[in-house]
C-alpha atoms as a PDB file:
ATOM      1  CA  UNK A   1      61.795 -39.547  -6.486  1.00  0.00           C
ATOM      2  CA  UNK A   2      59.530 -41.387  -4.055  1.00  0.00           C
ATOM      3  CA  UNK A   3      56.996 -43.575  -5.846  1.00  0.00           C
ATOM      4  CA  UNK A   4      53.337 -42.605  -5.696  1.00  0.00           C
ATOM      5  CA  UNK A   5      52.432 -46.065  -4.394  1.00  0.00           C
ATOM      6  CA  UNK A   6      54.844 -45.684  -1.474  1.00  0.00           C
ATOM      7  CA  UNK A   7      53.578 -42.186  -0.669  1.00  0.00           C
ATOM      8  CA  UNK A   8      50.035 -43.556  -0.415  1.00  0.00           C
ATOM      9  CA  UNK A   9      50.869 -46.391   2.006  1.00  0.00           C
ATOM     10  CA  UNK A  10      53.417 -44.752   4.323  1.00  0.00           C
ATOM     11  CA  UNK A  11      52.197 -43.905   7.820  1.00  0.00           C
ATOM     12  CA  UNK A  12      53.831 -42.389  10.889  1.00  0.00           C
ATOM     13  CA  UNK A  13      55.445 -45.323  12.725  1.00  0.00           C
ATOM     14  CA  UNK A  14      54.568 -43.729  16.066  1.00  0.00           C
ATOM     15  CA  UNK A  15      50.916 -42.877  15.447  1.00  0.00           C
ATOM     16  CA  UNK A  16      49.829 -45.796  13.294  1.00  0.00           C
ATOM     17  CA  UNK A  17      49.882 -48.008  16.404  1.00  0.00           C
ATOM     18  CA  UNK A  18      46.837 -46.242  17.871  1.00  0.00           C
ATOM     19  CA  UNK A  19      45.536 -43.992  15.109  1.00  0.00           C
ATOM     20  CA  UNK A  20      45.649 -43.284  11.410  1.00  0.00           C
ATOM     21  CA  UNK A  21      49.230 -41.977  11.209  1.00  0.00           C
ATOM     22  CA  UNK A  22      48.448 -40.022   8.039  1.00  0.00           C
ATOM     23  CA  UNK A  23      51.341 -38.122   6.520  1.00  0.00           C
ATOM     24  CA  UNK A  24      51.574 -34.997   4.400  1.00  0.00           C
ATOM     25  CA  UNK A  25      54.229 -35.212   1.683  1.00  0.00           C
ATOM     26  CA  UNK A  26      55.804 -31.763   1.866  1.00  0.00           C
ATOM     27  CA  UNK A  27      57.908 -30.336  -0.960  1.00  0.00           C
ATOM     28  CA  UNK A  28      58.844 -33.867  -2.035  1.00  0.00           C
ATOM     29  CA  UNK A  29      61.427 -33.985   0.776  1.00  0.00           C
ATOM     30  CA  UNK A  30      59.517 -34.437   4.056  1.00  0.00           C
ATOM     31  CA  UNK A  31      56.707 -36.569   5.446  1.00  0.00           C
ATOM     32  CA  UNK A  32      54.840 -34.721   8.215  1.00  0.00           C
ATOM     33  CA  UNK A  33      52.483 -36.554  10.557  1.00  0.00           C
ATOM     34  CA  UNK A  34      49.033 -34.948  10.867  1.00  0.00           C
ATOM     35  CA  UNK A  35      48.629 -36.304  14.411  1.00  0.00           C
ATOM     36  CA  UNK A  36      51.923 -35.838  16.278  1.00  0.00           C
ATOM     37  CA  UNK A  37      53.837 -33.398  14.078  1.00  0.00           C
ATOM     38  CA  UNK A  38      56.888 -35.603  13.650  1.00  0.00           C
ATOM     39  CA  UNK A  39      58.752 -34.879  10.447  1.00  0.00           C
ATOM     40  CA  UNK A  40      60.512 -37.595   8.487  1.00  0.00           C
ATOM     41  CA  UNK A  41      63.038 -36.603   5.807  1.00  0.00           C
ATOM     42  CA  UNK A  42      63.569 -38.137   2.406  1.00  0.00           C
ATOM     43  CA  UNK A  43      67.291 -38.727   1.857  1.00  0.00           C
ATOM     44  CA  UNK A  44      68.513 -39.978  -1.523  1.00  0.00           C
ATOM     45  CA  UNK A  45      64.888 -40.729  -2.489  1.00  0.00           C
ATOM     46  CA  UNK A  46      64.453 -42.941   0.598  1.00  0.00           C
ATOM     47  CA  UNK A  47      62.022 -41.917   3.364  1.00  0.00           C
ATOM     48  CA  UNK A  48      63.749 -42.160   6.752  1.00  0.00           C
ATOM     49  CA  UNK A  49      60.814 -43.362   8.841  1.00  0.00           C
ATOM     50  CA  UNK A  50      62.530 -43.779  12.209  1.00  0.00           C
ATOM     51  CA  UNK A  51      60.712 -42.366  15.230  1.00  0.00           C
ATOM     52  CA  UNK A  52      63.909 -40.936  16.723  1.00  0.00           C
ATOM     53  CA  UNK A  53      64.602 -39.090  13.460  1.00  0.00           C
ATOM     54  CA  UNK A  54      61.041 -37.740  13.425  1.00  0.00           C
ATOM     55  CA  UNK A  55      61.579 -36.591  17.021  1.00  0.00           C
ATOM     56  CA  UNK A  56      64.571 -34.470  15.969  1.00  0.00           C
ATOM     57  CA  UNK A  57      62.353 -32.245  13.825  1.00  0.00           C
ATOM     58  CA  UNK A  58      59.096 -32.287  15.816  1.00  0.00           C
ATOM     59  CA  UNK A  59      59.554 -28.698  17.039  1.00  0.00           C
ATOM     60  CA  UNK A  60      60.718 -27.360  13.662  1.00  0.00           C
ATOM     61  CA  UNK A  61      57.995 -25.403  11.903  1.00  0.00           C
ATOM     62  CA  UNK A  62      57.062 -26.753   8.485  1.00  0.00           C
ATOM     63  CA  UNK A  63      58.217 -23.539   6.817  1.00  0.00           C
ATOM     64  CA  UNK A  64      61.617 -23.829   8.551  1.00  0.00           C
ATOM     65  CA  UNK A  65      62.422 -27.387   7.456  1.00  0.00           C
ATOM     66  CA  UNK A  66      65.700 -27.527   5.525  1.00  0.00           C
ATOM     67  CA  UNK A  67      65.301 -28.273   1.824  1.00  0.00           C
ATOM     68  CA  UNK A  68      66.970 -30.601   1.038  1.00  0.00           C
ATOM     69  CA  UNK A  69      67.026 -32.389   4.408  1.00  0.00           C
ATOM     70  CA  UNK A  70      70.381 -32.997   6.068  1.00  0.00           C
ATOM     71  CA  UNK A  71      72.015 -36.190   4.855  1.00  0.00           C
ATOM     72  CA  UNK A  72      73.276 -37.156   8.324  1.00  0.00           C
ATOM     73  CA  UNK A  73      69.857 -37.572   9.991  1.00  0.00           C
ATOM     74  CA  UNK A  74      70.642 -41.012  11.424  1.00  0.00           C
ATOM     75  CA  UNK A  75      73.914 -40.047  13.097  1.00  0.00           C
END
């Protein structure tokens, strides 16, 4: 489980450079950026906040995101 404190401070690593980078915590398994639509998975209770990982799911509709996320997102 991702801690509430962490959920509140996490921001999209791409968008926070020039904007807010606010994230929606979706089904306790994904962080979705309100600005760019990148989607960052939570694997083994650890948010994978890498821009290239977020890029992999940018075109996936929120309703189509795999639950749970794939474990091999960094490969």
